Amino acid sequence: MVVADLHVHTTNSDGRLTLDAVPAAARAAGLEAVAVTDHDRLHPGLDAPVTDREGVRLVHGIELRVDAGDQRLDLLGYGARRTDALDAETDRIQRDRVARGRAIVDCVEERLGHPLPVDVERGFGRPDVARAVVESDDGYDDIGAVFDDLIGEDCPCYVPRDVPSFERGREVLAGACAVVGLAHPLRYPDPEAALARAERLDAVEVYYPYDGERGHGTLSESPLDVAAVEAAAERHDLLVTGGSDAHGETLGTTGLPRTAYERVEHALVGR
């Protein structure tokens, strides 16, 4: 039974749920806890690392894209507090995100021949573009198809972002968060190399909708499976995390069972 979804996006980045709507969505899914992990940005509506709202425990988190040299990875920080270093890094990243978003939108509009119903602002991401294409273009009825044809890596309208190095990202998150983990290791081009990086972190995301509808991103063709992620967690003595990576309004499709969540909660409270 899933009791905690520790990977959720809100309208603060490229999700559809407002922060105020998260507790009700969590209760509807039977969840006790949710981590708000917006892309490259702390949520301004959360002023504590962990807080209780309407019967649901909200964990202040962040998902930070980093460059590991051989590939780009996503780090998840949990129990976040604002620090000067994290604020400076996220401010820089958000400026780059806006410039990149405008470039992607311009390219997509040129290829499709019509404007997209979307505003490019702080927190903007490719899922926002994909949703706007589905909403406005009869040729697309699936967000994944937009990624596959237009805005995924190696596609005509893809624009890379300027992201911090793995070392810089890990350092900044370690100074601000109680737990720093590797997100969805099986989604990277080289999961084995990604898991090797987890040795320097506190946690790794084991529970994830690898076989479900993600609406963005692709899985690696590596033969590694979830058992390899679990083995890495045991080998490096890492906390196990997990979540739905929700960008929509439904939470808890994947997440942590009680025992795994209690270990994470202990780490958050014990800092």
Protein backbone atom coordinates (compact mmCIF):
# COMPACT_ATOMS: atom_id res chain seq x y z
CA MET A 1 0.00 0.00 0.00
CA VAL A 2 1.35 3.42 -1.02
CA VAL A 3 1.35 5.91 1.86
CA ALA A 4 3.77 8.55 0.52
CA ASP A 5 4.29 10.05 -2.92
CA LEU A 6 7.67 11.76 -2.74
CA HIS A 7 7.87 13.08 -6.30
CA VAL A 8 5.16 15.60 -7.17
CA HIS A 9 5.19 18.75 -9.31
CA THR A 10 2.90 21.76 -8.91
CA THR A 11 2.11 24.90 -10.87
CA ASN A 12 5.27 26.33 -9.33
CA SER A 13 7.09 24.49 -12.13
CA ASP A 14 5.34 22.44 -14.82
CA GLY A 15 2.61 20.64 -12.88
CA ARG A 16 -1.13 21.24 -12.88
CA LEU A 17 -1.86 21.10 -9.14
CA THR A 18 -1.66 24.25 -7.06
CA LEU A 19 -0.09 23.85 -3.64
CA ASP A 20 -3.48 24.44 -2.01
CA ALA A 21 -4.94 21.55 -4.00
CA VAL A 22 -2.24 19.04 -3.01
CA PRO A 23 -3.70 17.96 0.37
CA ALA A 24 -7.10 17.10 -1.14
CA ALA A 25 -5.46 15.20 -4.01
CA ALA A 26 -3.32 13.34 -1.49
CA ARG A 27 -6.29 12.39 0.68
CA ALA A 28 -8.19 11.21 -2.41
CA ALA A 29 -5.29 8.86 -3.11
CA GLY A 30 -5.13 7.63 0.48
CA LEU A 31 -1.71 9.23 1.06
CA GLU A 32 -0.28 10.38 4.34
CA ALA A 33 2.64 12.34 2.88
CA VAL A 34 3.62 14.15 -0.32
CA ALA A 35 6.92 15.71 -1.32
CA VAL A 36 6.61 18.81 -3.50
CA THR A 37 9.64 18.50 -5.78
CA ASP A 38 9.28 21.21 -8.40
CA HIS A 39 11.93 21.46 -11.09
CA ASP A 40 14.92 23.61 -10.13
CA ARG A 41 12.83 25.68 -7.76
CA LEU A 42 11.71 25.71 -4.13
CA HIS A 43 8.03 26.37 -3.54
CA PRO A 44 7.42 29.89 -2.14
CA GLY A 45 4.33 28.63 -0.32
CA LEU A 46 6.31 26.24 1.89
CA ASP A 47 8.28 27.90 4.67
CA ALA A 48 9.45 24.80 6.56
CA PRO A 49 11.22 21.57 5.57
CA VAL A 50 8.21 19.52 6.68
CA THR A 51 4.74 20.78 7.50
CA ASP A 52 1.25 19.36 8.08
CA ARG A 53 -1.68 20.73 6.09
CA GLU A 54 -5.23 19.45 6.17
CA GLY A 55 -4.17 16.09 7.54
CA VAL A 56 -1.35 15.54 5.04
CA ARG A 57 2.38 15.84 5.69
CA LEU A 58 4.02 18.04 3.05
CA VAL A 59 7.75 17.67 2.50
CA HIS A 60 9.47 20.67 0.95
CA GLY A 61 11.62 19.32 -1.85
CA ILE A 62 13.22 20.12 -5.18
CA GLU A 63 14.24 18.25 -8.33
CA LEU A 64 17.53 19.61 -9.66
CA ARG A 65 18.99 18.73 -13.07
CA VAL A 66 22.77 18.31 -13.03
CA ASP A 67 25.50 17.45 -15.53
CA ALA A 68 27.49 14.34 -14.58
CA GLY A 69 29.80 14.69 -17.57
CA ASP A 70 28.70 11.57 -19.40
CA GLN A 71 24.98 12.33 -19.02
CA ARG A 72 22.54 14.59 -17.24
CA LEU A 73 20.88 13.39 -14.06
CA ASP A 74 18.12 14.58 -11.74
CA LEU A 75 18.72 14.92 -8.01
CA LEU A 76 15.89 15.04 -5.49
CA GLY A 77 16.35 17.10 -2.34
CA TYR A 78 13.98 16.48 0.60
CA GLY A 79 13.39 18.56 3.71
CA ALA A 80 14.64 21.71 2.02
CA ARG A 81 15.58 24.93 3.76
CA ARG A 82 16.49 28.10 1.89
CA THR A 83 20.19 28.88 1.76
CA ASP A 84 22.04 31.64 -0.06
CA ALA A 85 23.79 29.07 -2.24
CA LEU A 86 20.59 27.29 -3.27
CA ASP A 87 18.74 30.55 -3.89
CA ALA A 88 21.55 31.85 -6.09
CA GLU A 89 21.73 28.61 -8.09
CA THR A 90 18.00 28.31 -8.62
CA ASP A 91 17.71 31.98 -9.61
CA ARG A 92 20.38 31.44 -12.26
CA ILE A 93 18.71 28.28 -13.50
CA GLN A 94 15.30 29.94 -13.71
CA ARG A 95 16.66 32.74 -15.88
CA ASP A 96 18.10 30.11 -18.20
CA ARG A 97 14.83 28.15 -18.13
CA VAL A 98 12.87 31.18 -19.35
CA ALA A 99 15.31 31.88 -22.19
CA ARG A 100 15.30 28.22 -23.18
CA GLY A 101 11.50 28.02 -22.98
CA ARG A 102 11.08 30.96 -25.30
CA ALA A 103 13.46 29.40 -27.80
CA ILE A 104 11.54 26.10 -27.75
CA VAL A 105 8.15 27.80 -28.11
CA ASP A 106 9.42 29.91 -31.02
CA CYS A 107 10.69 26.79 -32.77
CA VAL A 108 7.49 24.78 -32.21
CA GLU A 109 5.30 27.66 -33.35
CA GLU A 110 7.35 28.04 -36.53
CA ARG A 111 7.11 24.32 -37.33
CA LEU A 112 3.39 24.04 -36.58
CA GLY A 113 2.47 27.36 -38.15
CA HIS A 114 0.39 28.72 -35.29
CA PRO A 115 0.91 30.30 -31.85
CA LEU A 116 0.81 28.18 -28.71
CA PRO A 117 -1.54 29.07 -25.84
CA VAL A 118 1.22 29.28 -23.24
CA ASP A 119 3.09 31.91 -21.25
CA VAL A 120 6.80 31.42 -20.65
CA GLU A 121 7.63 32.34 -17.05
CA ARG A 122 9.68 31.13 -14.10
CA GLY A 123 9.23 27.39 -13.58
CA PHE A 124 8.36 26.81 -17.23
CA GLY A 125 9.23 23.40 -18.65
CA ARG A 126 8.80 21.19 -21.69
CA PRO A 127 5.59 19.53 -20.37
CA ASP A 128 4.02 23.02 -20.55
CA VAL A 129 4.93 23.15 -24.24
CA ALA A 130 3.62 19.63 -24.84
CA ARG A 131 0.28 20.37 -23.18
CA ALA A 132 -0.07 23.56 -25.24
CA VAL A 133 0.57 21.64 -28.46
CA VAL A 134 -2.05 18.99 -27.59
CA GLU A 135 -4.52 21.74 -26.71
CA SER A 136 -4.01 23.73 -29.91
CA ASP A 137 -3.01 21.29 -32.67
CA ASP A 138 -5.28 18.59 -34.09
CA GLY A 139 -2.22 16.61 -35.18
CA TYR A 140 -1.33 15.79 -31.57
CA ASP A 141 -3.53 14.19 -28.94
CA ASP A 142 -0.77 12.78 -26.74
CA ILE A 143 1.91 14.60 -24.76
CA GLY A 144 4.40 11.80 -25.33
CA ALA A 145 4.07 12.22 -29.10
CA VAL A 146 5.03 15.89 -28.79
CA PHE A 147 8.21 14.87 -26.98
CA ASP A 148 8.92 12.16 -29.53
CA ASP A 149 8.41 14.43 -32.55
CA LEU A 150 9.35 17.93 -31.45
CA ILE A 151 10.91 18.61 -28.06
CA GLY A 152 12.61 15.44 -26.85
CA GLU A 153 16.38 15.20 -26.94
CA ASP A 154 17.68 14.98 -30.52
CA CYS A 155 14.38 16.42 -31.80
CA PRO A 156 14.21 19.57 -33.96
CA CYS A 157 12.96 21.93 -31.24
CA TYR A 158 15.01 20.63 -28.33
CA VAL A 159 17.16 23.24 -26.61
CA PRO A 160 19.58 22.12 -23.87
CA ARG A 161 19.70 23.92 -20.53
CA ASP A 162 22.69 25.32 -18.68
CA VAL A 163 22.74 23.16 -15.55
CA PRO A 164 25.19 22.84 -12.64
CA SER A 165 27.71 20.00 -12.46
CA PHE A 166 26.87 16.92 -10.41
CA GLU A 167 29.38 18.00 -7.76
CA ARG A 168 28.00 21.53 -7.55
CA GLY A 169 24.40 20.36 -7.43
CA ARG A 170 25.13 17.75 -4.78
CA GLU A 171 27.01 20.29 -2.66
CA VAL A 172 24.27 22.92 -2.87
CA LEU A 173 21.50 20.44 -2.07
CA ALA A 174 23.46 18.84 0.77
CA GLY A 175 23.74 22.27 2.40
CA ALA A 176 19.99 22.88 2.16
CA CYS A 177 18.26 19.48 2.37
CA ALA A 178 18.08 16.69 4.91
CA VAL A 179 18.15 13.99 2.21
CA VAL A 180 19.60 14.11 -1.32
CA GLY A 181 18.80 11.28 -3.69
CA LEU A 182 19.03 10.16 -7.30
CA ALA A 183 15.77 10.35 -9.24
CA HIS A 184 14.48 7.58 -11.57
CA PRO A 185 17.83 5.92 -12.45
CA LEU A 186 16.35 3.69 -15.16
CA ARG A 187 15.38 6.69 -17.28
CA TYR A 188 18.96 7.72 -18.08
CA PRO A 189 20.94 6.64 -21.15
CA ASP A 190 23.40 4.81 -18.87
CA PRO A 191 21.61 3.67 -15.69
CA GLU A 192 24.65 1.78 -14.45
CA ALA A 193 26.77 4.93 -14.49
CA ALA A 194 23.96 6.86 -12.83
CA LEU A 195 23.69 4.30 -10.04
CA ALA A 196 27.44 4.52 -9.49
CA ARG A 197 26.95 8.23 -8.73
CA ALA A 198 24.38 7.35 -6.07
CA GLU A 199 27.19 6.17 -3.80
CA ARG A 200 27.81 9.84 -2.97
CA LEU A 201 24.15 10.53 -2.14
CA ASP A 202 21.75 9.65 0.67
CA ALA A 203 19.00 7.94 -1.31
CA VAL A 204 17.87 6.50 -4.62
CA GLU A 205 14.40 6.43 -6.17
CA VAL A 206 13.30 2.80 -6.42
CA TYR A 207 9.52 3.17 -6.64
CA TYR A 208 8.73 4.95 -9.91
CA PRO A 209 6.23 4.45 -12.79
CA TYR A 210 8.86 2.97 -15.11
CA ASP A 211 6.21 0.90 -16.90
CA GLY A 212 3.42 3.44 -16.64
CA GLU A 213 2.32 6.53 -18.54
CA ARG A 214 4.78 9.25 -17.65
CA GLY A 215 3.81 11.74 -20.37
CA HIS A 216 7.44 12.77 -20.77
CA GLY A 217 10.86 11.23 -21.06
CA THR A 218 11.89 7.79 -22.19
CA LEU A 219 13.38 4.71 -20.59
CA SER A 220 16.88 3.51 -21.21
CA GLU A 221 17.44 0.43 -23.35
CA SER A 222 19.76 -0.93 -20.64
CA PRO A 223 19.04 -4.45 -19.40
CA LEU A 224 19.05 -3.14 -15.82
CA ASP A 225 15.76 -3.31 -13.95
CA VAL A 226 14.35 -2.23 -10.61
CA ALA A 227 16.15 -5.11 -8.89
CA ALA A 228 19.44 -3.44 -9.87
CA VAL A 229 18.28 -0.19 -8.28
CA GLU A 230 17.32 -2.03 -5.10
CA ALA A 231 20.71 -3.74 -5.09
CA ALA A 232 22.46 -0.37 -5.42
CA ALA A 233 20.46 0.97 -2.48
CA GLU A 234 21.54 -1.97 -0.36
CA ARG A 235 25.16 -1.86 -1.56
CA HIS A 236 25.59 1.81 -0.77
CA ASP A 237 23.34 1.80 2.33
CA LEU A 238 20.94 4.30 0.77
CA LEU A 239 17.45 5.30 1.75
CA VAL A 240 14.79 4.10 -0.68
CA THR A 241 12.53 6.82 -2.06
CA GLY A 242 9.76 6.81 -4.63
CA GLY A 243 6.90 8.66 -6.20
CA SER A 244 4.65 9.13 -9.17
CA ASP A 245 6.51 12.07 -10.78
CA ALA A 246 3.04 13.57 -11.05
CA HIS A 247 2.61 16.54 -13.36
CA GLY A 248 -1.16 16.17 -13.43
CA GLU A 249 -3.81 16.06 -10.72
CA THR A 250 -3.64 12.38 -9.73
CA LEU A 251 -1.20 11.42 -7.00
CA GLY A 252 -0.05 8.16 -5.50
CA THR A 253 -0.01 5.97 -8.60
CA THR A 254 3.46 4.99 -7.39
CA GLY A 255 5.13 5.70 -4.08
CA LEU A 256 6.50 4.37 -0.84
CA PRO A 257 5.00 1.69 1.39
CA ARG A 258 4.89 2.49 5.07
CA THR A 259 8.16 0.91 6.20
CA ALA A 260 10.22 2.67 3.52
CA TYR A 261 8.52 5.99 4.18
CA GLU A 262 9.09 5.76 7.94
CA ARG A 263 12.85 5.49 7.29
CA VAL A 264 12.78 8.61 5.12
CA GLU A 265 10.63 10.45 7.64
CA HIS A 266 13.11 9.59 10.41
CA ALA A 267 15.92 11.10 8.34
CA LEU A 268 13.89 14.25 7.71
CA VAL A 269 12.86 14.77 11.31
CA GLY A 270 16.21 13.72 12.73
CA ARG A 271 18.25 16.37 10.96
